[in-house]
Amino acid sequence: MKPLLEVISEELLRNMQESGRTRTFSEGEEIFAQGGEADFLPVVLAGKVKMIHFLEAGKEVIIGIFQDGEMFAVPPIFDGAPYPATAIAMEKTKILLLYRQDFLRLLHESSEFSFAVI
């Protein structure tokens, strides 16, 4: 699957940026925590993020690594479930935070966005 930002138009990207909030995270900084309320869809604009699922007894499993143009943690935004893992910036990382209500609005209003997400 191609990264989201490789398959959408400049116009849709501008609309997403106007709807969301851009934030820069430092290396090692937590973006969201496992079990936390999933209130935004993160899209990596620049940098790298790893998602880690923590198990009992201090063990952890890397769920995925995400880079420029990729979105992650999509299912919880659809169903309102908590984040299934913790996301941590692996380097200085710029992320577009697309909040749930804006994500759902874009799905409804933009077939381009809907197709790109699915």
PDB file of N, CA and C in Angstrom:
ATOM      1  N   MET A   1       0.844  -1.184   0.000  1.00  0.00           N
ATOM      2  CA  MET A   1       0.000   0.000   0.000  1.00  0.00           C
ATOM      3  C   MET A   1       0.890   1.248   0.000  1.00  0.00           C
ATOM      4  N   LYS A   2       0.606   2.167  -0.899  1.00  0.00           N
ATOM      5  CA  LYS A   2       1.392   3.398  -0.995  1.00  0.00           C
ATOM      6  C   LYS A   2       1.054   4.332   0.164  1.00  0.00           C
ATOM      7  N   PRO A   3       2.036   5.125   0.594  1.00  0.00           N
ATOM      8  CA  PRO A   3       1.757   6.119   1.640  1.00  0.00           C
ATOM      9  C   PRO A   3       0.653   7.085   1.205  1.00  0.00           C
ATOM     10  N   LEU A   4      -0.166   7.485   2.146  1.00  0.00           N
ATOM     11  CA  LEU A   4      -1.301   8.372   1.895  1.00  0.00           C
ATOM     12  C   LEU A   4      -0.899   9.607   1.099  1.00  0.00           C
ATOM     13  N   LEU A   5       0.190  10.244   1.504  1.00  0.00           N
ATOM     14  CA  LEU A   5       0.565  11.507   0.868  1.00  0.00           C
ATOM     15  C   LEU A   5       1.082  11.337  -0.558  1.00  0.00           C
ATOM     16  N   GLU A   6       1.337  10.093  -0.983  1.00  0.00           N
ATOM     17  CA  GLU A   6       1.745   9.842  -2.369  1.00  0.00           C
ATOM     18  C   GLU A   6       0.548   9.683  -3.296  1.00  0.00           C
ATOM     19  N   VAL A   7      -0.633   9.450  -2.731  1.00  0.00           N
ATOM     20  CA  VAL A   7      -1.797   9.154  -3.577  1.00  0.00           C
ATOM     21  C   VAL A   7      -2.882  10.227  -3.537  1.00  0.00           C
ATOM     22  N   ILE A   8      -2.694  11.281  -2.746  1.00  0.00           N
ATOM     23  CA  ILE A   8      -3.713  12.332  -2.673  1.00  0.00           C
ATOM     24  C   ILE A   8      -3.241  13.594  -3.392  1.00  0.00           C
ATOM     25  N   SER A   9      -4.194  14.426  -3.761  1.00  0.00           N
ATOM     26  CA  SER A   9      -3.892  15.680  -4.453  1.00  0.00           C
ATOM     27  C   SER A   9      -3.364  16.728  -3.471  1.00  0.00           C
ATOM     28  N   GLU A  10      -2.711  17.736  -4.027  1.00  0.00           N
ATOM     29  CA  GLU A  10      -2.234  18.861  -3.211  1.00  0.00           C
ATOM     30  C   GLU A  10      -3.409  19.564  -2.536  1.00  0.00           C
ATOM     31  N   GLU A  11      -4.522  19.650  -3.245  1.00  0.00           N
ATOM     32  CA  GLU A  11      -5.714  20.304  -2.692  1.00  0.00           C
ATOM     33  C   GLU A  11      -6.232  19.558  -1.459  1.00  0.00           C
ATOM     34  N   LEU A  12      -6.279  18.236  -1.535  1.00  0.00           N
ATOM     35  CA  LEU A  12      -6.734  17.455  -0.381  1.00  0.00           C
ATOM     36  C   LEU A  12      -5.744  17.582   0.774  1.00  0.00           C
ATOM     37  N   LEU A  13      -4.460  17.573   0.480  1.00  0.00           N
ATOM     38  CA  LEU A  13      -3.457  17.751   1.532  1.00  0.00           C
ATOM     39  C   LEU A  13      -3.648  19.096   2.224  1.00  0.00           C
ATOM     40  N   ARG A  14      -3.865  20.159   1.456  1.00  0.00           N
ATOM     41  CA  ARG A  14      -4.107  21.481   2.056  1.00  0.00           C
ATOM     42  C   ARG A  14      -5.345  21.449   2.952  1.00  0.00           C
ATOM     43  N   ASN A  15      -6.403  20.800   2.486  1.00  0.00           N
ATOM     44  CA  ASN A  15      -7.635  20.678   3.263  1.00  0.00           C
ATOM     45  C   ASN A  15      -7.372  19.922   4.569  1.00  0.00           C
ATOM     46  N   MET A  16      -6.593  18.854   4.489  1.00  0.00           N
ATOM     47  CA  MET A  16      -6.250  18.092   5.695  1.00  0.00           C
ATOM     48  C   MET A  16      -5.440  18.951   6.664  1.00  0.00           C
ATOM     49  N   GLN A  17      -4.476  19.709   6.139  1.00  0.00           N
ATOM     50  CA  GLN A  17      -3.641  20.549   6.995  1.00  0.00           C
ATOM     51  C   GLN A  17      -4.448  21.671   7.635  1.00  0.00           C
ATOM     52  N   GLU A  18      -5.423  22.203   6.899  1.00  0.00           N
ATOM     53  CA  GLU A  18      -6.286  23.244   7.465  1.00  0.00           C
ATOM     54  C   GLU A  18      -7.208  22.670   8.535  1.00  0.00           C
ATOM     55  N   SER A  19      -7.613  21.423   8.367  1.00  0.00           N
ATOM     56  CA  SER A  19      -8.519  20.774   9.322  1.00  0.00           C
ATOM     57  C   SER A  19      -7.787  20.286  10.563  1.00  0.00           C
ATOM     58  N   GLY A  20      -6.562  19.844  10.386  1.00  0.00           N
ATOM     59  CA  GLY A  20      -5.809  19.249  11.487  1.00  0.00           C
ATOM     60  C   GLY A  20      -4.831  20.218  12.119  1.00  0.00           C
ATOM     61  N   ARG A  21      -3.887  19.643  12.828  1.00  0.00           N
ATOM     62  CA  ARG A  21      -2.855  20.419  13.521  1.00  0.00           C
ATOM     63  C   ARG A  21      -1.515  19.736  13.270  1.00  0.00           C
ATOM     64  N   THR A  22      -0.513  20.506  12.940  1.00  0.00           N
ATOM     65  CA  THR A  22       0.820  19.957  12.719  1.00  0.00           C
ATOM     66  C   THR A  22       1.645  20.132  13.985  1.00  0.00           C
ATOM     67  N   ARG A  23       2.356  19.066  14.353  1.00  0.00           N
ATOM     68  CA  ARG A  23       3.177  19.114  15.561  1.00  0.00           C
ATOM     69  C   ARG A  23       4.485  18.378  15.302  1.00  0.00           C
ATOM     70  N   THR A  24       5.559  18.899  15.862  1.00  0.00           N
ATOM     71  CA  THR A  24       6.866  18.265  15.748  1.00  0.00           C
ATOM     72  C   THR A  24       7.200  17.579  17.067  1.00  0.00           C
ATOM     73  N   PHE A  25       7.639  16.322  16.962  1.00  0.00           N
ATOM     74  CA  PHE A  25       8.009  15.519  18.124  1.00  0.00           C
ATOM     75  C   PHE A  25       9.511  15.274  18.093  1.00  0.00           C
ATOM     76  N   SER A  26      10.135  15.306  19.250  1.00  0.00           N
ATOM     77  CA  SER A  26      11.565  15.027  19.371  1.00  0.00           C
ATOM     78  C   SER A  26      11.803  13.522  19.367  1.00  0.00           C
ATOM     79  N   GLU A  27      13.033  13.121  19.069  1.00  0.00           N
ATOM     80  CA  GLU A  27      13.388  11.705  19.125  1.00  0.00           C
ATOM     81  C   GLU A  27      13.059  11.147  20.511  1.00  0.00           C
ATOM     82  N   GLY A  28      12.357  10.024  20.553  1.00  0.00           N
ATOM     83  CA  GLY A  28      11.993   9.379  21.815  1.00  0.00           C
ATOM     84  C   GLY A  28      10.721   9.903  22.453  1.00  0.00           C
ATOM     85  N   GLU A  29      10.139  10.955  21.885  1.00  0.00           N
ATOM     86  CA  GLU A  29       8.920  11.538  22.465  1.00  0.00           C
ATOM     87  C   GLU A  29       7.695  10.694  22.101  1.00  0.00           C
ATOM     88  N   GLU A  30       6.826  10.510  23.081  1.00  0.00           N
ATOM     89  CA  GLU A  30       5.601   9.736  22.881  1.00  0.00           C
ATOM     90  C   GLU A  30       4.561  10.568  22.139  1.00  0.00           C
ATOM     91  N   ILE A  31       3.962   9.981  21.123  1.00  0.00           N
ATOM     92  CA  ILE A  31       2.922  10.642  20.335  1.00  0.00           C
ATOM     93  C   ILE A  31       1.557  10.321  20.923  1.00  0.00           C
ATOM     94  N   PHE A  32       1.351   9.061  21.264  1.00  0.00           N
ATOM     95  CA  PHE A  32       0.178   8.633  22.029  1.00  0.00           C
ATOM     96  C   PHE A  32       0.522   7.347  22.760  1.00  0.00           C
ATOM     97  N   ALA A  33      -0.278   7.027  23.787  1.00  0.00           N
ATOM     98  CA  ALA A  33       0.002   5.875  24.640  1.00  0.00           C
ATOM     99  C   ALA A  33      -1.007   4.755  24.427  1.00  0.00           C
ATOM    100  N   GLN A  34      -0.524   3.540  24.528  1.00  0.00           N
ATOM    101  CA  GLN A  34      -1.378   2.356  24.474  1.00  0.00           C
ATOM    102  C   GLN A  34      -2.488   2.498  25.506  1.00  0.00           C
ATOM    103  N   GLY A  35      -3.724   2.273  25.078  1.00  0.00           N
ATOM    104  CA  GLY A  35      -4.866   2.375  25.983  1.00  0.00           C
ATOM    105  C   GLY A  35      -5.471   3.760  26.062  1.00  0.00           C
ATOM    106  N   GLY A  36      -4.797   4.747  25.481  1.00  0.00           N
ATOM    107  CA  GLY A  36      -5.312   6.115  25.501  1.00  0.00           C
ATOM    108  C   GLY A  36      -6.442   6.302  24.503  1.00  0.00           C
ATOM    109  N   GLU A  37      -7.241   7.332  24.721  1.00  0.00           N
ATOM    110  CA  GLU A  37      -8.356   7.634  23.823  1.00  0.00           C
ATOM    111  C   GLU A  37      -7.828   8.006  22.442  1.00  0.00           C
ATOM    112  N   ALA A  38      -8.351   7.338  21.426  1.00  0.00           N
ATOM    113  CA  ALA A  38      -7.928   7.590  20.043  1.00  0.00           C
ATOM    114  C   ALA A  38      -8.697   8.783  19.502  1.00  0.00           C
ATOM    115  N   ASP A  39      -8.145   9.967  19.694  1.00  0.00           N
ATOM    116  CA  ASP A  39      -8.864  11.167  19.264  1.00  0.00           C
ATOM    117  C   ASP A  39      -8.297  11.798  18.002  1.00  0.00           C
ATOM    118  N   PHE A  40      -7.203  11.255  17.460  1.00  0.00           N
ATOM    119  CA  PHE A  40      -6.670  11.783  16.203  1.00  0.00           C
ATOM    120  C   PHE A  40      -6.008  10.683  15.378  1.00  0.00           C
ATOM    121  N   LEU A  41      -6.001  10.912  14.066  1.00  0.00           N
ATOM    122  CA  LEU A  41      -5.285  10.059  13.122  1.00  0.00           C
ATOM    123  C   LEU A  41      -3.955  10.746  12.830  1.00  0.00           C
ATOM    124  N   PRO A  42      -2.834  10.091  13.103  1.00  0.00           N
ATOM    125  CA  PRO A  42      -1.538  10.693  12.800  1.00  0.00           C
ATOM    126  C   PRO A  42      -1.078  10.373  11.375  1.00  0.00           C
ATOM    127  N   VAL A  43      -0.562  11.397  10.700  1.00  0.00           N
ATOM    128  CA  VAL A  43       0.022  11.242   9.366  1.00  0.00           C
ATOM    129  C   VAL A  43       1.442  11.796   9.447  1.00  0.00           C
ATOM    130  N   VAL A  44       2.426  10.974   9.121  1.00  0.00           N
ATOM    131  CA  VAL A  44       3.825  11.400   9.193  1.00  0.00           C
ATOM    132  C   VAL A  44       4.131  12.299   8.000  1.00  0.00           C
ATOM    133  N   LEU A  45       4.453  13.554   8.281  1.00  0.00           N
ATOM    134  CA  LEU A  45       4.850  14.490   7.225  1.00  0.00           C
ATOM    135  C   LEU A  45       6.346  14.379   6.956  1.00  0.00           C
ATOM    136  N   ALA A  46       7.125  14.162   8.007  1.00  0.00           N
ATOM    137  CA  ALA A  46       8.577  13.981   7.892  1.00  0.00           C
ATOM    138  C   ALA A  46       9.065  13.281   9.149  1.00  0.00           C
ATOM    139  N   GLY A  47       9.934  12.300   8.978  1.00  0.00           N
ATOM    140  CA  GLY A  47      10.478  11.598  10.131  1.00  0.00           C
ATOM    141  C   GLY A  47      10.089  10.133  10.159  1.00  0.00           C
ATOM    142  N   LYS A  48      10.176   9.545  11.367  1.00  0.00           N
ATOM    143  CA  LYS A  48       9.924   8.114  11.516  1.00  0.00           C
ATOM    144  C   LYS A  48       9.331   7.840  12.893  1.00  0.00           C
ATOM    145  N   VAL A  49       8.336   6.935  12.929  1.00  0.00           N
ATOM    146  CA  VAL A  49       7.612   6.597  14.161  1.00  0.00           C
ATOM    147  C   VAL A  49       7.563   5.084  14.305  1.00  0.00           C
ATOM    148  N   LYS A  50       7.701   4.597  15.539  1.00  0.00           N
ATOM    149  CA  LYS A  50       7.462   3.173  15.777  1.00  0.00           C
ATOM    150  C   LYS A  50       6.285   3.024  16.725  1.00  0.00           C
ATOM    151  N   MET A  51       5.491   1.982  16.462  1.00  0.00           N
ATOM    152  CA  MET A  51       4.379   1.642  17.349  1.00  0.00           C
ATOM    153  C   MET A  51       4.772   0.391  18.110  1.00  0.00           C
ATOM    154  N   ILE A  52       4.640   0.462  19.436  1.00  0.00           N
ATOM    155  CA  ILE A  52       5.037  -0.633  20.315  1.00  0.00           C
ATOM    156  C   ILE A  52       3.845  -1.059  21.150  1.00  0.00           C
ATOM    157  N   HIS A  53       3.601  -2.378  21.181  1.00  0.00           N
ATOM    158  CA  HIS A  53       2.561  -2.932  22.058  1.00  0.00           C
ATOM    159  C   HIS A  53       3.271  -3.522  23.270  1.00  0.00           C
ATOM    160  N   PHE A  54       2.904  -3.045  24.457  1.00  0.00           N
ATOM    161  CA  PHE A  54       3.520  -3.527  25.684  1.00  0.00           C
ATOM    162  C   PHE A  54       2.746  -4.720  26.222  1.00  0.00           C
ATOM    163  N   LEU A  55       3.478  -5.785  26.534  1.00  0.00           N
ATOM    164  CA  LEU A  55       2.904  -6.988  27.117  1.00  0.00           C
ATOM    165  C   LEU A  55       3.211  -7.000  28.609  1.00  0.00           C
ATOM    166  N   GLU A  56       2.629  -7.951  29.309  1.00  0.00           N
ATOM    167  CA  GLU A  56       2.952  -8.067  30.730  1.00  0.00           C
ATOM    168  C   GLU A  56       4.415  -8.478  30.888  1.00  0.00           C
ATOM    169  N   ALA A  57       4.933  -8.339  32.053  1.00  0.00           N
ATOM    170  CA  ALA A  57       6.311  -8.709  32.396  1.00  0.00           C
ATOM    171  C   ALA A  57       7.352  -7.874  31.659  1.00  0.00           C
ATOM    172  N   GLY A  58       6.982  -6.641  31.279  1.00  0.00           N
ATOM    173  CA  GLY A  58       7.948  -5.721  30.701  1.00  0.00           C
ATOM    174  C   GLY A  58       8.366  -6.013  29.271  1.00  0.00           C
ATOM    175  N   LYS A  59       7.687  -6.929  28.607  1.00  0.00           N
ATOM    176  CA  LYS A  59       8.031  -7.240  27.220  1.00  0.00           C
ATOM    177  C   LYS A  59       7.270  -6.310  26.281  1.00  0.00           C
ATOM    178  N   GLU A  60       7.848  -6.102  25.112  1.00  0.00           N
ATOM    179  CA  GLU A  60       7.207  -5.239  24.116  1.00  0.00           C
ATOM    180  C   GLU A  60       7.374  -5.835  22.722  1.00  0.00           C
ATOM    181  N   VAL A  61       6.406  -5.521  21.866  1.00  0.00           N
ATOM    182  CA  VAL A  61       6.418  -5.992  20.485  1.00  0.00           C
ATOM    183  C   VAL A  61       6.279  -4.768  19.584  1.00  0.00           C
ATOM    184  N   ILE A  62       7.171  -4.647  18.609  1.00  0.00           N
ATOM    185  CA  ILE A  62       7.053  -3.549  17.645  1.00  0.00           C
ATOM    186  C   ILE A  62       5.977  -3.932  16.633  1.00  0.00           C
ATOM    187  N   ILE A  63       4.929  -3.118  16.569  1.00  0.00           N
ATOM    188  CA  ILE A  63       3.798  -3.357  15.670  1.00  0.00           C
ATOM    189  C   ILE A  63       4.110  -2.862  14.263  1.00  0.00           C
ATOM    190  N   GLY A  64       4.833  -1.767  14.174  1.00  0.00           N
ATOM    191  CA  GLY A  64       5.155  -1.223  12.865  1.00  0.00           C
ATOM    192  C   GLY A  64       6.033   0.001  12.964  1.00  0.00           C
ATOM    193  N   ILE A  65       6.657   0.319  11.845  1.00  0.00           N
ATOM    194  CA  ILE A  65       7.468   1.532  11.721  1.00  0.00           C
ATOM    195  C   ILE A  65       6.896   2.315  10.543  1.00  0.00           C
ATOM    196  N   PHE A  66       6.660   3.603  10.762  1.00  0.00           N
ATOM    197  CA  PHE A  66       5.984   4.447   9.778  1.00  0.00           C
ATOM    198  C   PHE A  66       6.862   5.645   9.446  1.00  0.00           C
ATOM    199  N   GLN A  67       6.878   6.010   8.148  1.00  0.00           N
ATOM    200  CA  GLN A  67       7.747   7.075   7.665  1.00  0.00           C
ATOM    201  C   GLN A  67       6.958   8.097   6.861  1.00  0.00           C
ATOM    202  N   ASP A  68       7.693   8.987   6.225  1.00  0.00           N
ATOM    203  CA  ASP A  68       7.116  10.097   5.456  1.00  0.00           C
ATOM    204  C   ASP A  68       5.902   9.668   4.628  1.00  0.00           C
ATOM    205  N   GLY A  69       4.806  10.386   4.829  1.00  0.00           N
ATOM    206  CA  GLY A  69       3.611  10.183   4.029  1.00  0.00           C
ATOM    207  C   GLY A  69       2.655   9.122   4.529  1.00  0.00           C
ATOM    208  N   GLU A  70       3.062   8.349   5.527  1.00  0.00           N
ATOM    209  CA  GLU A  70       2.222   7.251   5.998  1.00  0.00           C
ATOM    210  C   GLU A  70       1.328   7.675   7.158  1.00  0.00           C
ATOM    211  N   MET A  71       0.135   7.094   7.188  1.00  0.00           N
ATOM    212  CA  MET A  71      -0.759   7.264   8.332  1.00  0.00           C
ATOM    213  C   MET A  71      -0.725   5.962   9.124  1.00  0.00           C
ATOM    214  N   PHE A  72      -1.090   6.045  10.393  1.00  0.00           N
ATOM    215  CA  PHE A  72      -1.111   4.836  11.213  1.00  0.00           C
ATOM    216  C   PHE A  72      -2.165   4.989  12.298  1.00  0.00           C
ATOM    217  N   ALA A  73      -2.473   3.869  12.963  1.00  0.00           N
ATOM    218  CA  ALA A  73      -3.511   3.841  14.010  1.00  0.00           C
ATOM    219  C   ALA A  73      -4.877   4.216  13.444  1.00  0.00           C
ATOM    220  N   VAL A  74      -5.192   3.683  12.272  1.00  0.00           N
ATOM    221  CA  VAL A  74      -6.462   4.003  11.613  1.00  0.00           C
ATOM    222  C   VAL A  74      -7.671   3.328  12.274  1.00  0.00           C
ATOM    223  N   PRO A  75      -7.634   2.018  12.578  1.00  0.00           N
ATOM    224  CA  PRO A  75      -8.847   1.371  13.117  1.00  0.00           C
ATOM    225  C   PRO A  75      -9.475   2.053  14.329  1.00  0.00           C
ATOM    226  N   PRO A  76      -8.710   2.505  15.321  1.00  0.00           N
ATOM    227  CA  PRO A  76      -9.357   3.142  16.475  1.00  0.00           C
ATOM    228  C   PRO A  76     -10.123   4.423  16.128  1.00  0.00           C
ATOM    229  N   ILE A  77      -9.709   5.116  15.073  1.00  0.00           N
ATOM    230  CA  ILE A  77     -10.418   6.333  14.675  1.00  0.00           C
ATOM    231  C   ILE A  77     -11.798   5.978  14.132  1.00  0.00           C
ATOM    232  N   PHE A  78     -11.883   4.844  13.451  1.00  0.00           N
ATOM    233  CA  PHE A  78     -13.182   4.390  12.931  1.00  0.00           C
ATOM    234  C   PHE A  78     -14.120   3.938  14.049  1.00  0.00           C
ATOM    235  N   ASP A  79     -13.605   3.105  14.954  1.00  0.00           N
ATOM    236  CA  ASP A  79     -14.508   2.467  15.920  1.00  0.00           C
ATOM    237  C   ASP A  79     -14.480   3.066  17.322  1.00  0.00           C
ATOM    238  N   GLY A  80     -13.627   4.047  17.557  1.00  0.00           N
ATOM    239  CA  GLY A  80     -13.592   4.698  18.860  1.00  0.00           C
ATOM    240  C   GLY A  80     -12.897   3.897  19.949  1.00  0.00           C
ATOM    241  N   ALA A  81     -12.261   2.781  19.582  1.00  0.00           N
ATOM    242  CA  ALA A  81     -11.516   1.979  20.560  1.00  0.00           C
ATOM    243  C   ALA A  81     -10.250   2.733  20.970  1.00  0.00           C
ATOM    244  N   PRO A  82      -9.664   2.375  22.110  1.00  0.00           N
ATOM    245  CA  PRO A  82      -8.409   3.018  22.511  1.00  0.00           C
ATOM    246  C   PRO A  82      -7.259   2.622  21.574  1.00  0.00           C
ATOM    247  N   TYR A  83      -6.201   3.422  21.607  1.00  0.00           N
ATOM    248  CA  TYR A  83      -5.018   3.076  20.822  1.00  0.00           C
ATOM    249  C   TYR A  83      -4.499   1.714  21.287  1.00  0.00           C
ATOM    250  N   PRO A  84      -4.192   0.798  20.356  1.00  0.00           N
ATOM    251  CA  PRO A  84      -3.751  -0.547  20.723  1.00  0.00           C
ATOM    252  C   PRO A  84      -2.266  -0.629  21.075  1.00  0.00           C
ATOM    253  N   ALA A  85      -1.547   0.455  20.862  1.00  0.00           N
ATOM    254  CA  ALA A  85      -0.104   0.468  21.079  1.00  0.00           C
ATOM    255  C   ALA A  85       0.339   1.896  21.373  1.00  0.00           C
ATOM    256  N   THR A  86       1.596   2.030  21.747  1.00  0.00           N
ATOM    257  CA  THR A  86       2.200   3.339  21.998  1.00  0.00           C
ATOM    258  C   THR A  86       3.010   3.741  20.767  1.00  0.00           C
ATOM    259  N   ALA A  87       2.898   4.996  20.358  1.00  0.00           N
ATOM    260  CA  ALA A  87       3.665   5.508  19.220  1.00  0.00           C
ATOM    261  C   ALA A  87       4.754   6.442  19.734  1.00  0.00           C
ATOM    262  N   ILE A  88       5.971   6.218  19.260  1.00  0.00           N
ATOM    263  CA  ILE A  88       7.132   6.992  19.703  1.00  0.00           C
ATOM    264  C   ILE A  88       7.924   7.463  18.485  1.00  0.00           C
ATOM    265  N   ALA A  89       8.302   8.733  18.487  1.00  0.00           N
ATOM    266  CA  ALA A  89       9.135   9.274  17.408  1.00  0.00           C
ATOM    267  C   ALA A  89      10.527   8.654  17.490  1.00  0.00           C
ATOM    268  N   MET A  90      11.019   8.141  16.379  1.00  0.00           N
ATOM    269  CA  MET A  90      12.348   7.527  16.335  1.00  0.00           C
ATOM    270  C   MET A  90      13.433   8.554  16.018  1.00  0.00           C
ATOM    271  N   GLU A  91      13.011   9.707  15.551  1.00  0.00           N
ATOM    272  CA  GLU A  91      13.881  10.833  15.231  1.00  0.00           C
ATOM    273  C   GLU A  91      12.986  12.061  15.263  1.00  0.00           C
ATOM    274  N   LYS A  92      13.545  13.225  15.041  1.00  0.00           N
ATOM    275  CA  LYS A  92      12.694  14.415  14.971  1.00  0.00           C
ATOM    276  C   LYS A  92      11.648  14.168  13.892  1.00  0.00           C
ATOM    277  N   THR A  93      10.370  14.285  14.264  1.00  0.00           N
ATOM    278  CA  THR A  93       9.276  13.880  13.381  1.00  0.00           C
ATOM    279  C   THR A  93       8.164  14.915  13.383  1.00  0.00           C
ATOM    280  N   LYS A  94       7.720  15.274  12.183  1.00  0.00           N
ATOM    281  CA  LYS A  94       6.611  16.220  12.018  1.00  0.00           C
ATOM    282  C   LYS A  94       5.371  15.422  11.635  1.00  0.00           C
ATOM    283  N   ILE A  95       4.302  15.599  12.413  1.00  0.00           N
ATOM    284  CA  ILE A  95       3.081  14.818  12.217  1.00  0.00           C
ATOM    285  C   ILE A  95       1.879  15.732  12.070  1.00  0.00           C
ATOM    286  N   LEU A  96       1.015  15.370  11.123  1.00  0.00           N
ATOM    287  CA  LEU A  96      -0.288  16.014  11.001  1.00  0.00           C
ATOM    288  C   LEU A  96      -1.250  15.222  11.876  1.00  0.00           C
ATOM    289  N   LEU A  97      -1.850  15.892  12.855  1.00  0.00           N
ATOM    290  CA  LEU A  97      -2.838  15.271  13.736  1.00  0.00           C
ATOM    291  C   LEU A  97      -4.208  15.630  13.188  1.00  0.00           C
ATOM    292  N   LEU A  98      -4.890  14.642  12.636  1.00  0.00           N
ATOM    293  CA  LEU A  98      -6.218  14.854  12.068  1.00  0.00           C
ATOM    294  C   LEU A  98      -7.234  14.315  13.069  1.00  0.00           C
ATOM    295  N   TYR A  99      -7.891  15.225  13.766  1.00  0.00           N
ATOM    296  CA  TYR A  99      -8.799  14.826  14.842  1.00  0.00           C
ATOM    297  C   TYR A  99     -10.009  14.076  14.297  1.00  0.00           C
ATOM    298  N   ARG A 100     -10.555  13.200  15.127  1.00  0.00           N
ATOM    299  CA  ARG A 100     -11.595  12.252  14.717  1.00  0.00           C
ATOM    300  C   ARG A 100     -12.754  12.930  13.975  1.00  0.00           C
ATOM    301  N   GLN A 101     -13.286  14.017  14.514  1.00  0.00           N
ATOM    302  CA  GLN A 101     -14.433  14.662  13.867  1.00  0.00           C
ATOM    303  C   GLN A 101     -14.064  15.180  12.476  1.00  0.00           C
ATOM    304  N   ASP A 102     -12.839  15.674  12.308  1.00  0.00           N
ATOM    305  CA  ASP A 102     -12.390  16.145  10.991  1.00  0.00           C
ATOM    306  C   ASP A 102     -12.120  14.969  10.052  1.00  0.00           C
ATOM    307  N   PHE A 103     -11.566  13.891  10.596  1.00  0.00           N
ATOM    308  CA  PHE A 103     -11.350  12.671   9.820  1.00  0.00           C
ATOM    309  C   PHE A 103     -12.676  12.152   9.265  1.00  0.00           C
ATOM    310  N   LEU A 104     -13.690  12.056  10.126  1.00  0.00           N
ATOM    311  CA  LEU A 104     -15.004  11.558   9.704  1.00  0.00           C
ATOM    312  C   LEU A 104     -15.667  12.505   8.702  1.00  0.00           C
ATOM    313  N   ARG A 105     -15.491  13.811   8.897  1.00  0.00           N
ATOM    314  CA  ARG A 105     -16.045  14.790   7.958  1.00  0.00           C
ATOM    315  C   ARG A 105     -15.400  14.631   6.582  1.00  0.00           C
ATOM    316  N   LEU A 106     -14.078  14.492   6.553  1.00  0.00           N
ATOM    317  CA  LEU A 106     -13.385  14.314   5.274  1.00  0.00           C
ATOM    318  C   LEU A 106     -13.813  13.020   4.580  1.00  0.00           C
ATOM    319  N   LEU A 107     -14.020  11.962   5.348  1.00  0.00           N
ATOM    320  CA  LEU A 107     -14.516  10.711   4.760  1.00  0.00           C
ATOM    321  C   LEU A 107     -15.853  10.938   4.069  1.00  0.00           C
ATOM    322  N   HIS A 108     -16.708  11.705   4.720  1.00  0.00           N
ATOM    323  CA  HIS A 108     -18.051  11.975   4.201  1.00  0.00           C
ATOM    324  C   HIS A 108     -18.015  12.907   2.982  1.00  0.00           C
ATOM    325  N   GLU A 109     -17.148  13.908   3.026  1.00  0.00           N
ATOM    326  CA  GLU A 109     -17.134  14.948   1.991  1.00  0.00           C
ATOM    327  C   GLU A 109     -16.237  14.648   0.795  1.00  0.00           C
ATOM    328  N   SER A 110     -15.231  13.814   0.983  1.00  0.00           N
ATOM    329  CA  SER A 110     -14.234  13.631  -0.072  1.00  0.00           C
ATOM    330  C   SER A 110     -14.088  12.161  -0.461  1.00  0.00           C
ATOM    331  N   SER A 111     -14.534  11.833  -1.652  1.00  0.00           N
ATOM    332  CA  SER A 111     -14.358  10.456  -2.134  1.00  0.00           C
ATOM    333  C   SER A 111     -12.868  10.155  -2.326  1.00  0.00           C
ATOM    334  N   GLU A 112     -12.091  11.169  -2.681  1.00  0.00           N
ATOM    335  CA  GLU A 112     -10.642  10.978  -2.830  1.00  0.00           C
ATOM    336  C   GLU A 112     -10.030  10.549  -1.499  1.00  0.00           C
ATOM    337  N   PHE A 113     -10.410  11.228  -0.427  1.00  0.00           N
ATOM    338  CA  PHE A 113      -9.894  10.891   0.896  1.00  0.00           C
ATOM    339  C   PHE A 113     -10.361   9.491   1.302  1.00  0.00           C
ATOM    340  N   SER A 114     -11.642   9.213   1.115  1.00  0.00           N
ATOM    341  CA  SER A 114     -12.200   7.902   1.479  1.00  0.00           C
ATOM    342  C   SER A 114     -11.465   6.777   0.764  1.00  0.00           C
ATOM    343  N   PHE A 115     -11.244   6.937  -0.525  1.00  0.00           N
ATOM    344  CA  PHE A 115     -10.558   5.915  -1.310  1.00  0.00           C
ATOM    345  C   PHE A 115      -9.114   5.745  -0.837  1.00  0.00           C
ATOM    346  N   ALA A 116      -8.435   6.846  -0.532  1.00  0.00           N
ATOM    347  CA  ALA A 116      -7.037   6.788  -0.093  1.00  0.00           C
ATOM    348  C   ALA A 116      -6.893   6.102   1.261  1.00  0.00           C
ATOM    349  N   VAL A 117      -7.858   6.313   2.149  1.00  0.00           N
ATOM    350  CA  VAL A 117      -7.795   5.727   3.491  1.00  0.00           C
ATOM    351  C   VAL A 117      -8.089   4.232   3.447  1.00  0.00           C
ATOM    352  N   ILE A 118      -9.035   3.862   2.602  1.00  0.00           N
ATOM    353  CA  ILE A 118      -9.442   2.453   2.532  1.00  0.00           C
ATOM    354  C   ILE A 118      -8.511   1.719   1.594  1.00  0.00           C
TER     355      ILE A 118
END
